[in-house]
């Protein structure tokens, strides 16, 4: 950035601080080598790994972790694939023990998913709230995947969630931000009295414009996986996502012009002749 642009402050999530506001996943890639290249291209500092779903060792005997620089990235373990609070709590504990053994700073937090059914992969809000309360009591910093309901978001924050992560649209759907008004209200409720509370859109984005839009709404970050891994050419899409995150954030900080019903001339209406120097 130049001296005239905003000086960006790090994104603070609990005890962690990051320059990048893009969180990315590790699933669905055609190869570990492609995954590694895309992680680097995205500029992300946080990588989320599904403790239950991810195969740490592939059929060739290679470990996912061999392709992740643990000194560079903070791992965010997630409870994807859990359909009850009890299951999610158990998987969160397992993820913590795995990362303790790796001495990764992500051992103290978890991306919490408690899903309602396999068809929609929408959150079970009651189960999410119950799991949040228990995991917070056990010392976890909990980042909660949830729907875009402002009331649920507010309850999760009151339960001690370190970050509330409303879905833009269903997981892996690529539909983008379906209900921006609800996201705006979530932001209002969650940041009331606490403007630095981190709100991160999680799930549903399909391309760079979706990421930029989420950031322009005022979200503090975006978490995605399929939008990169499922792209026709994942590597340039990873670059696009990095740039979209930055562009959207800068646009939000700069403040867009107000929308008007009628046109406004770009050049002021003035007497050009009389305005010219004599």
Protein backbone atom coordinates (compact mmCIF):
# COMPACT_ATOMS: atom_id res chain seq x y z
CA UNK A 1 0.00 0.00 0.00
CA UNK A 2 1.09 3.57 -0.57
CA UNK A 3 1.35 6.12 2.20
CA UNK A 4 -2.07 7.54 1.24
CA UNK A 5 -3.86 4.19 1.63
CA UNK A 6 -5.23 2.67 4.80
CA UNK A 7 -2.66 1.07 7.05
CA UNK A 8 -4.24 -2.30 7.70
CA UNK A 9 -4.15 -3.81 11.16
CA UNK A 10 -3.83 -7.58 11.64
CA UNK A 11 -6.88 -9.78 11.96
CA UNK A 12 -7.05 -10.87 15.60
CA UNK A 13 -8.95 -14.07 16.40
CA UNK A 14 -8.63 -14.92 20.06
CA UNK A 15 -4.94 -15.24 20.84
CA UNK A 16 -3.95 -15.34 17.16
CA UNK A 17 -3.12 -12.48 14.79
CA UNK A 18 -2.78 -12.70 11.01
CA UNK A 19 -1.98 -10.44 8.09
CA UNK A 20 -4.07 -12.50 5.68
CA UNK A 21 -7.85 -12.51 6.08
CA UNK A 22 -8.36 -15.56 3.88
CA UNK A 23 -8.62 -18.98 5.55
CA UNK A 24 -8.42 -22.00 3.23
CA UNK A 25 -9.06 -25.73 3.43
CA UNK A 26 -7.07 -28.75 2.34
CA UNK A 27 -9.71 -31.07 0.89
CA UNK A 28 -10.78 -32.04 -2.64
CA UNK A 29 -7.46 -31.37 -4.37
CA UNK A 30 -6.32 -33.68 -7.17
CA UNK A 31 -2.92 -34.06 -5.51
CA UNK A 32 -0.99 -32.95 -2.46
CA UNK A 33 1.44 -31.07 -4.70
CA UNK A 34 -1.40 -29.01 -6.17
CA UNK A 35 -2.78 -28.39 -2.70
CA UNK A 36 0.58 -27.09 -1.50
CA UNK A 37 0.94 -24.77 -4.50
CA UNK A 38 -2.58 -23.40 -4.02
CA UNK A 39 -2.08 -22.82 -0.32
CA UNK A 40 0.95 -20.71 -1.10
CA UNK A 41 -0.79 -18.84 -3.93
CA UNK A 42 -3.73 -17.96 -1.68
CA UNK A 43 -1.50 -16.06 0.73
CA UNK A 44 -3.38 -17.67 3.61
CA UNK A 45 -1.78 -18.11 7.01
CA UNK A 46 -4.53 -20.33 8.42
CA UNK A 47 -5.32 -23.76 6.98
CA UNK A 48 -8.30 -25.73 8.17
CA UNK A 49 -8.12 -29.52 8.32
CA UNK A 50 -11.09 -31.83 8.87
CA UNK A 51 -9.98 -34.07 11.72
CA UNK A 52 -12.63 -36.67 10.98
CA UNK A 53 -12.80 -36.58 7.19
CA UNK A 54 -9.21 -35.93 6.14
CA UNK A 55 -7.00 -38.90 5.35
CA UNK A 56 -3.68 -38.00 6.85
CA UNK A 57 -2.03 -40.86 4.93
CA UNK A 58 -2.93 -41.53 1.26
CA UNK A 59 -2.77 -44.84 -0.63
CA UNK A 60 0.85 -44.13 -1.56
CA UNK A 61 1.81 -43.75 2.08
CA UNK A 62 2.25 -39.99 1.94
CA UNK A 63 1.07 -37.78 4.78
CA UNK A 64 -0.97 -34.63 4.24
CA UNK A 65 1.20 -32.96 6.87
CA UNK A 66 4.33 -33.61 4.78
CA UNK A 67 2.98 -31.06 2.31
CA UNK A 68 2.18 -28.36 4.86
CA UNK A 69 4.90 -26.15 6.30
CA UNK A 70 3.89 -26.18 9.96
CA UNK A 71 6.31 -23.34 10.71
CA UNK A 72 4.48 -21.16 8.20
CA UNK A 73 0.82 -22.06 8.63
CA UNK A 74 -1.41 -22.25 11.67
CA UNK A 75 -3.65 -25.30 11.48
CA UNK A 76 -7.32 -24.78 12.32
CA UNK A 77 -8.79 -28.23 13.08
CA UNK A 78 -12.46 -28.55 12.26
CA UNK A 79 -15.24 -30.93 13.19
CA UNK A 80 -16.65 -31.41 9.68
CA UNK A 81 -18.79 -34.52 9.38
CA UNK A 82 -20.15 -34.37 12.93
CA UNK A 83 -23.93 -34.55 13.36
CA UNK A 84 -24.24 -34.20 17.13
CA UNK A 85 -22.75 -32.00 19.82
CA UNK A 86 -21.22 -35.04 21.51
CA UNK A 87 -19.47 -36.16 18.33
CA UNK A 88 -18.16 -32.66 17.59
CA UNK A 89 -16.78 -32.28 21.13
CA UNK A 90 -14.98 -35.61 20.84
CA UNK A 91 -13.44 -34.71 17.47
CA UNK A 92 -12.39 -31.29 18.76
CA UNK A 93 -10.54 -32.94 21.64
CA UNK A 94 -8.86 -35.32 19.21
CA UNK A 95 -7.73 -32.44 16.99
CA UNK A 96 -6.25 -30.66 19.99
CA UNK A 97 -4.19 -33.68 20.97
CA UNK A 98 -2.92 -34.17 17.41
CA UNK A 99 -1.75 -30.57 17.13
CA UNK A 100 -0.20 -30.62 20.59
CA UNK A 101 2.01 -33.43 19.33
CA UNK A 102 2.98 -31.32 16.31
CA UNK A 103 3.65 -28.26 18.46
CA UNK A 104 1.46 -26.17 16.18
CA UNK A 105 -0.14 -22.99 17.61
CA UNK A 106 -3.54 -24.17 16.37
CA UNK A 107 -3.87 -26.67 19.21
CA UNK A 108 -5.91 -24.26 21.33
CA UNK A 109 -8.72 -23.55 18.87
CA UNK A 110 -11.28 -25.33 16.71
CA UNK A 111 -13.65 -24.58 13.86
CA UNK A 112 -16.87 -26.05 15.18
CA UNK A 113 -19.36 -27.68 12.82
CA UNK A 114 -22.41 -29.54 14.10
CA UNK A 115 -24.46 -30.46 11.03
CA UNK A 116 -28.19 -31.12 10.87
CA UNK A 117 -28.35 -33.49 7.90
CA UNK A 118 -26.24 -34.88 5.07
CA UNK A 119 -28.26 -33.40 2.22
CA UNK A 120 -28.06 -29.71 3.10
CA UNK A 121 -25.07 -29.73 5.49
CA UNK A 122 -26.83 -26.88 7.27
CA UNK A 123 -25.92 -26.37 10.93
CA UNK A 124 -27.79 -27.83 13.85
CA UNK A 125 -28.01 -24.57 15.75
CA UNK A 126 -29.02 -26.12 19.09
CA UNK A 127 -26.22 -28.68 18.88
CA UNK A 128 -23.76 -25.96 17.87
CA UNK A 129 -24.73 -23.88 20.89
CA UNK A 130 -24.41 -26.86 23.24
CA UNK A 131 -21.01 -27.84 21.86
CA UNK A 132 -19.80 -24.23 22.03
CA UNK A 133 -20.66 -23.95 25.71
CA UNK A 134 -18.85 -27.22 26.53
CA UNK A 135 -15.74 -26.52 24.46
CA UNK A 136 -15.41 -22.97 25.82
CA UNK A 137 -15.61 -24.46 29.33
CA UNK A 138 -12.72 -26.76 28.35
CA UNK A 139 -10.55 -23.84 27.27
CA UNK A 140 -11.02 -24.00 23.51
CA UNK A 141 -11.17 -20.90 21.37
CA UNK A 142 -14.25 -21.79 19.31
CA UNK A 143 -14.92 -20.52 15.80
CA UNK A 144 -18.55 -21.43 15.06
CA UNK A 145 -19.88 -22.32 11.64
CA UNK A 146 -23.55 -21.36 11.68
CA UNK A 147 -26.37 -20.09 9.49
CA UNK A 148 -26.92 -16.42 8.72
CA UNK A 149 -29.50 -15.93 11.47
CA UNK A 150 -28.55 -12.88 13.57
CA UNK A 151 -30.26 -14.21 16.71
CA UNK A 152 -28.30 -17.47 16.58
CA UNK A 153 -25.11 -15.52 15.94
CA UNK A 154 -25.74 -13.37 19.00
CA UNK A 155 -26.40 -16.42 21.21
CA UNK A 156 -23.18 -18.09 20.07
CA UNK A 157 -21.17 -15.00 20.94
CA UNK A 158 -22.86 -14.84 24.35
CA UNK A 159 -21.90 -18.52 24.84
CA UNK A 160 -18.26 -17.54 24.49
CA UNK A 161 -17.50 -18.16 20.80
CA UNK A 162 -14.23 -16.54 19.77
CA UNK A 163 -15.65 -15.96 16.29
CA UNK A 164 -19.02 -16.49 14.68
CA UNK A 165 -18.83 -17.71 11.08
CA UNK A 166 -22.13 -17.30 9.22
CA UNK A 167 -22.52 -19.23 5.97
CA UNK A 168 -22.83 -17.25 2.77
CA UNK A 169 -24.76 -20.21 1.32
CA UNK A 170 -24.70 -24.01 1.79
CA UNK A 171 -21.30 -25.69 2.06
CA UNK A 172 -19.69 -26.35 -1.31
CA UNK A 173 -22.66 -24.89 -3.24
CA UNK A 174 -20.78 -22.01 -4.87
CA UNK A 175 -23.89 -19.83 -4.67
CA UNK A 176 -22.12 -16.89 -3.06
CA UNK A 177 -23.70 -14.58 -0.48
CA UNK A 178 -27.43 -15.35 -0.73
CA UNK A 179 -28.68 -13.04 2.02
CA UNK A 180 -26.43 -10.01 2.43
CA UNK A 181 -28.99 -8.25 4.60
CA UNK A 182 -28.78 -11.00 7.22
CA UNK A 183 -24.98 -10.84 7.11
CA UNK A 184 -25.20 -7.09 7.71
CA UNK A 185 -27.45 -7.63 10.73
CA UNK A 186 -25.14 -10.34 12.06
CA UNK A 187 -22.27 -7.87 11.81
CA UNK A 188 -24.30 -5.21 13.61
CA UNK A 189 -25.29 -7.54 16.45
CA UNK A 190 -21.89 -9.18 16.87
CA UNK A 191 -19.87 -5.97 16.78
CA UNK A 192 -22.15 -3.93 19.02
CA UNK A 193 -19.89 -2.73 21.82
CA UNK A 194 -17.06 -4.82 20.40
CA UNK A 195 -16.12 -3.50 16.93
CA UNK A 196 -13.10 -5.79 16.66
CA UNK A 197 -15.07 -9.00 17.20
CA UNK A 198 -14.09 -11.23 14.24
CA UNK A 199 -16.89 -12.25 11.88
CA UNK A 200 -15.78 -14.61 9.12
CA UNK A 201 -17.98 -15.81 6.25
CA UNK A 202 -17.69 -19.58 6.03
CA UNK A 203 -19.04 -21.67 3.16
CA UNK A 204 -20.76 -21.17 -0.16
CA UNK A 205 -18.50 -18.74 -2.00
CA UNK A 206 -17.77 -19.76 -5.56
CA UNK A 207 -15.48 -17.18 -7.09
CA UNK A 208 -13.41 -14.10 -6.35
CA UNK A 209 -16.31 -11.64 -6.61
CA UNK A 210 -18.11 -13.52 -3.81
CA UNK A 211 -15.09 -13.10 -1.56
CA UNK A 212 -14.76 -9.43 -2.40
CA UNK A 213 -18.48 -8.88 -1.72
CA UNK A 214 -18.23 -10.54 1.70
CA UNK A 215 -15.31 -8.29 2.60
CA UNK A 216 -17.09 -5.19 1.28
CA UNK A 217 -20.01 -5.96 3.59
CA UNK A 218 -17.58 -5.54 6.50
CA UNK A 219 -16.76 -9.16 7.27
CA UNK A 220 -13.34 -9.63 8.80
CA UNK A 221 -12.40 -12.66 6.74
CA UNK A 222 -13.55 -15.49 4.51
CA UNK A 223 -13.02 -19.23 4.88
CA UNK A 224 -13.27 -21.37 1.74
CA UNK A 225 -12.11 -24.61 0.18
CA UNK A 226 -14.22 -25.83 -2.75
CA UNK A 227 -14.03 -22.49 -4.58
CA UNK A 228 -10.31 -23.09 -5.11
CA UNK A 229 -9.98 -26.88 -5.10
CA UNK A 230 -13.03 -27.33 -7.35
CA UNK A 231 -12.12 -24.64 -9.88
CA UNK A 232 -11.26 -25.68 -13.43
CA UNK A 233 -7.75 -24.36 -12.77
CA UNK A 234 -7.23 -24.14 -8.99
CA UNK A 235 -3.85 -22.40 -8.92
CA UNK A 236 -4.82 -19.11 -10.62
CA UNK A 237 -8.10 -19.19 -8.68
CA UNK A 238 -6.07 -19.27 -5.47
CA UNK A 239 -4.26 -16.11 -6.59
CA UNK A 240 -7.60 -14.53 -7.47
CA UNK A 241 -8.96 -15.28 -4.00
CA UNK A 242 -5.96 -13.64 -2.37
CA UNK A 243 -6.41 -10.48 -4.42
CA UNK A 244 -10.18 -10.42 -3.94
CA UNK A 245 -9.79 -10.57 -0.16
CA UNK A 246 -7.43 -7.61 -0.22
CA UNK A 247 -9.48 -5.59 -2.70
CA UNK A 248 -12.75 -6.14 -0.84
CA UNK A 249 -11.21 -5.21 2.48
CA UNK A 250 -9.65 -2.05 1.10
CA UNK A 251 -12.92 -1.07 -0.59
CA UNK A 252 -14.77 -1.53 2.71
CA UNK A 253 -12.27 0.61 4.59
CA UNK A 254 -12.40 3.27 1.87
CA UNK A 255 -16.21 3.57 1.89
CA UNK A 256 -18.24 3.21 -1.28
CA UNK A 257 -20.21 6.10 -2.80
CA UNK A 258 -23.89 6.11 -1.82
CA UNK A 259 -26.37 4.57 -4.23
CA UNK A 260 -28.60 7.15 -5.92
CA UNK A 261 -31.71 6.77 -8.03
CA UNK A 262 -30.63 9.26 -10.69
CA UNK A 263 -27.41 10.11 -12.46
CA UNK A 264 -24.85 12.51 -11.07
CA UNK A 265 -22.44 14.10 -13.51
CA UNK A 266 -18.79 13.19 -12.97
CA UNK A 267 -17.75 16.72 -13.95
CA UNK A 268 -19.23 19.67 -12.07
CA UNK A 269 -21.65 21.91 -13.90
CA UNK A 270 -19.79 25.20 -14.29
CA UNK A 271 -19.12 27.91 -16.83
CA UNK A 272 -16.03 26.43 -18.43
CA UNK A 273 -15.07 29.71 -20.14
CA UNK A 274 -15.41 31.87 -17.05
CA UNK A 275 -13.64 29.27 -14.97
CA UNK A 276 -10.58 29.31 -17.21
CA UNK A 277 -7.60 31.35 -15.96
CA UNK A 278 -7.20 34.74 -17.68
